[in-house]
Structure formats: structure tokens, C-alpha cells
N, C-alpha and C. Protein backbone atom coordinates (compact mmCIF):
# COMPACT_ATOMS: atom_id res chain seq x y z
N MET A 1 -18.46 -33.60 -22.22
CA MET A 1 -18.20 -32.64 -21.17
C MET A 1 -18.58 -31.25 -21.65
N LYS A 2 -19.30 -30.51 -20.80
CA LYS A 2 -19.74 -29.16 -21.17
C LYS A 2 -18.59 -28.17 -21.07
N LYS A 3 -18.61 -27.21 -21.95
CA LYS A 3 -17.62 -26.14 -21.91
C LYS A 3 -18.03 -25.13 -20.85
N LEU A 4 -17.11 -24.71 -20.03
CA LEU A 4 -17.38 -23.74 -18.98
C LEU A 4 -17.48 -22.34 -19.58
N ASN A 5 -18.59 -21.67 -19.33
CA ASN A 5 -18.81 -20.34 -19.88
C ASN A 5 -18.74 -19.33 -18.74
N VAL A 6 -17.63 -18.62 -18.65
CA VAL A 6 -17.43 -17.62 -17.60
C VAL A 6 -17.69 -16.25 -18.21
N THR A 7 -18.64 -15.54 -17.63
CA THR A 7 -18.99 -14.22 -18.15
C THR A 7 -18.35 -13.13 -17.29
N ALA A 8 -18.42 -11.92 -17.77
CA ALA A 8 -17.90 -10.79 -17.01
C ALA A 8 -18.66 -10.63 -15.70
N ARG A 9 -19.94 -10.95 -15.71
CA ARG A 9 -20.75 -10.88 -14.50
C ARG A 9 -20.23 -11.85 -13.44
N ASP A 10 -19.85 -13.06 -13.86
CA ASP A 10 -19.29 -14.05 -12.94
C ASP A 10 -18.00 -13.53 -12.30
N VAL A 11 -17.16 -12.94 -13.11
CA VAL A 11 -15.89 -12.41 -12.61
C VAL A 11 -16.13 -11.27 -11.63
N LYS A 12 -17.07 -10.39 -11.95
CA LYS A 12 -17.38 -9.27 -11.06
C LYS A 12 -17.88 -9.75 -9.70
N PHE A 13 -18.78 -10.73 -9.71
CA PHE A 13 -19.30 -11.25 -8.43
C PHE A 13 -18.23 -11.98 -7.65
N PHE A 14 -17.34 -12.68 -8.33
CA PHE A 14 -16.23 -13.34 -7.65
C PHE A 14 -15.34 -12.33 -6.97
N LEU A 15 -14.96 -11.28 -7.67
CA LEU A 15 -14.09 -10.24 -7.10
C LEU A 15 -14.80 -9.49 -5.97
N LEU A 16 -16.09 -9.27 -6.12
CA LEU A 16 -16.87 -8.64 -5.04
C LEU A 16 -16.85 -9.53 -3.79
N GLY A 17 -16.98 -10.83 -3.97
CA GLY A 17 -16.94 -11.76 -2.85
C GLY A 17 -15.58 -11.77 -2.17
N VAL A 18 -14.51 -11.77 -2.96
CA VAL A 18 -13.15 -11.75 -2.39
C VAL A 18 -12.94 -10.46 -1.60
N PHE A 19 -13.34 -9.33 -2.16
CA PHE A 19 -13.19 -8.06 -1.46
C PHE A 19 -14.00 -8.03 -0.18
N THR A 20 -15.22 -8.57 -0.22
CA THR A 20 -16.08 -8.61 0.96
C THR A 20 -15.46 -9.44 2.07
N LEU A 21 -14.94 -10.61 1.72
CA LEU A 21 -14.28 -11.45 2.73
C LEU A 21 -13.06 -10.76 3.32
N PHE A 22 -12.28 -10.07 2.49
CA PHE A 22 -11.11 -9.34 2.97
C PHE A 22 -11.53 -8.22 3.93
N ALA A 23 -12.57 -7.48 3.57
CA ALA A 23 -13.05 -6.39 4.42
C ALA A 23 -13.57 -6.91 5.75
N LEU A 24 -14.29 -8.02 5.74
CA LEU A 24 -14.79 -8.60 6.98
C LEU A 24 -13.64 -9.09 7.86
N GLU A 25 -12.64 -9.71 7.26
CA GLU A 25 -11.48 -10.19 8.01
C GLU A 25 -10.76 -9.03 8.70
N VAL A 26 -10.55 -7.95 7.98
CA VAL A 26 -9.87 -6.78 8.56
C VAL A 26 -10.75 -6.15 9.64
N ALA A 27 -12.04 -6.07 9.42
CA ALA A 27 -12.94 -5.43 10.38
C ALA A 27 -13.01 -6.22 11.69
N PHE A 28 -13.10 -7.54 11.60
CA PHE A 28 -13.25 -8.34 12.82
C PHE A 28 -11.93 -8.55 13.55
N ASN A 29 -10.80 -8.44 12.86
CA ASN A 29 -9.49 -8.63 13.50
C ASN A 29 -8.66 -7.36 13.40
N TRP A 30 -9.30 -6.23 13.60
CA TRP A 30 -8.64 -4.95 13.41
C TRP A 30 -7.42 -4.79 14.32
N GLU A 31 -7.54 -5.14 15.59
CA GLU A 31 -6.42 -4.96 16.53
C GLU A 31 -5.21 -5.78 16.10
N ALA A 32 -5.41 -7.00 15.68
CA ALA A 32 -4.29 -7.85 15.24
C ALA A 32 -3.64 -7.26 13.99
N HIS A 33 -4.45 -6.78 13.05
CA HIS A 33 -3.90 -6.18 11.83
C HIS A 33 -3.14 -4.90 12.15
N LYS A 34 -3.69 -4.10 13.04
CA LYS A 34 -3.03 -2.85 13.41
C LYS A 34 -1.69 -3.12 14.09
N GLN A 35 -1.68 -4.09 15.00
CA GLN A 35 -0.45 -4.43 15.72
C GLN A 35 0.62 -4.96 14.75
N ALA A 36 0.23 -5.82 13.83
CA ALA A 36 1.17 -6.36 12.85
C ALA A 36 1.72 -5.26 11.95
N PHE A 37 0.87 -4.32 11.56
CA PHE A 37 1.33 -3.20 10.73
C PHE A 37 2.34 -2.35 11.48
N LEU A 38 2.03 -2.04 12.74
CA LEU A 38 2.94 -1.20 13.52
C LEU A 38 4.26 -1.91 13.79
N GLU A 39 4.24 -3.21 14.04
CA GLU A 39 5.48 -3.96 14.23
C GLU A 39 6.33 -3.93 12.97
N GLY A 40 5.70 -4.15 11.83
CA GLY A 40 6.43 -4.10 10.57
C GLY A 40 6.98 -2.73 10.27
N TYR A 41 6.22 -1.70 10.59
CA TYR A 41 6.66 -0.33 10.37
C TYR A 41 7.87 -0.01 11.24
N GLU A 42 7.83 -0.45 12.51
CA GLU A 42 8.95 -0.20 13.41
C GLU A 42 10.19 -0.96 12.97
N LEU A 43 10.04 -2.21 12.53
CA LEU A 43 11.19 -2.98 12.05
C LEU A 43 11.80 -2.33 10.81
N ALA A 44 10.97 -1.84 9.92
CA ALA A 44 11.47 -1.20 8.71
C ALA A 44 12.15 0.14 9.06
N SER A 45 11.65 0.81 10.07
CA SER A 45 12.23 2.11 10.45
C SER A 45 13.60 1.95 11.09
N GLU A 46 13.87 0.78 11.66
CA GLU A 46 15.16 0.54 12.30
C GLU A 46 16.26 0.33 11.28
N ASP A 47 15.91 0.01 10.05
CA ASP A 47 16.89 -0.21 9.00
C ASP A 47 17.61 1.10 8.72
N GLU A 48 18.96 1.05 8.69
CA GLU A 48 19.74 2.28 8.50
C GLU A 48 19.63 2.83 7.09
N GLY A 49 19.22 2.01 6.13
CA GLY A 49 19.14 2.46 4.76
C GLY A 49 17.89 3.27 4.46
N ILE A 50 16.96 3.32 5.38
CA ILE A 50 15.70 4.03 5.15
C ILE A 50 15.69 5.32 5.93
N ILE A 51 15.44 6.41 5.26
CA ILE A 51 15.35 7.71 5.94
C ILE A 51 13.88 8.12 5.97
N LEU A 52 13.35 8.34 7.16
CA LEU A 52 11.96 8.75 7.29
C LEU A 52 11.86 10.20 7.64
């Protein structure tokens, strides 16, 4: 069995791919992400322990 040789270049391209997929997901579903953020913000603001 061959030993897997992972280089820094491989890691960089993997992370670039993950970031690209995340950016595309946010870009294409912007309204859903915005609505979820605002709902979470409002729920957190209702908590009496948080002063805004």
C-alpha cells in the first residue's frame, strides 16, 4: 500500500475549494441566510440577560 503524501499545496487547494463552496452557497441563498440571521438576532435580543 502506498503512503499518502499530502503537501501544503494540497491543503491550500482543499481550503480554497471549501471557501469557494461556502461563498457560492451564501451568494445563491442570500435571502434565506439573511432571514435566518435576523431571526436569530431577534431571538437573542429578547433574552433579558443581554443588553444591546
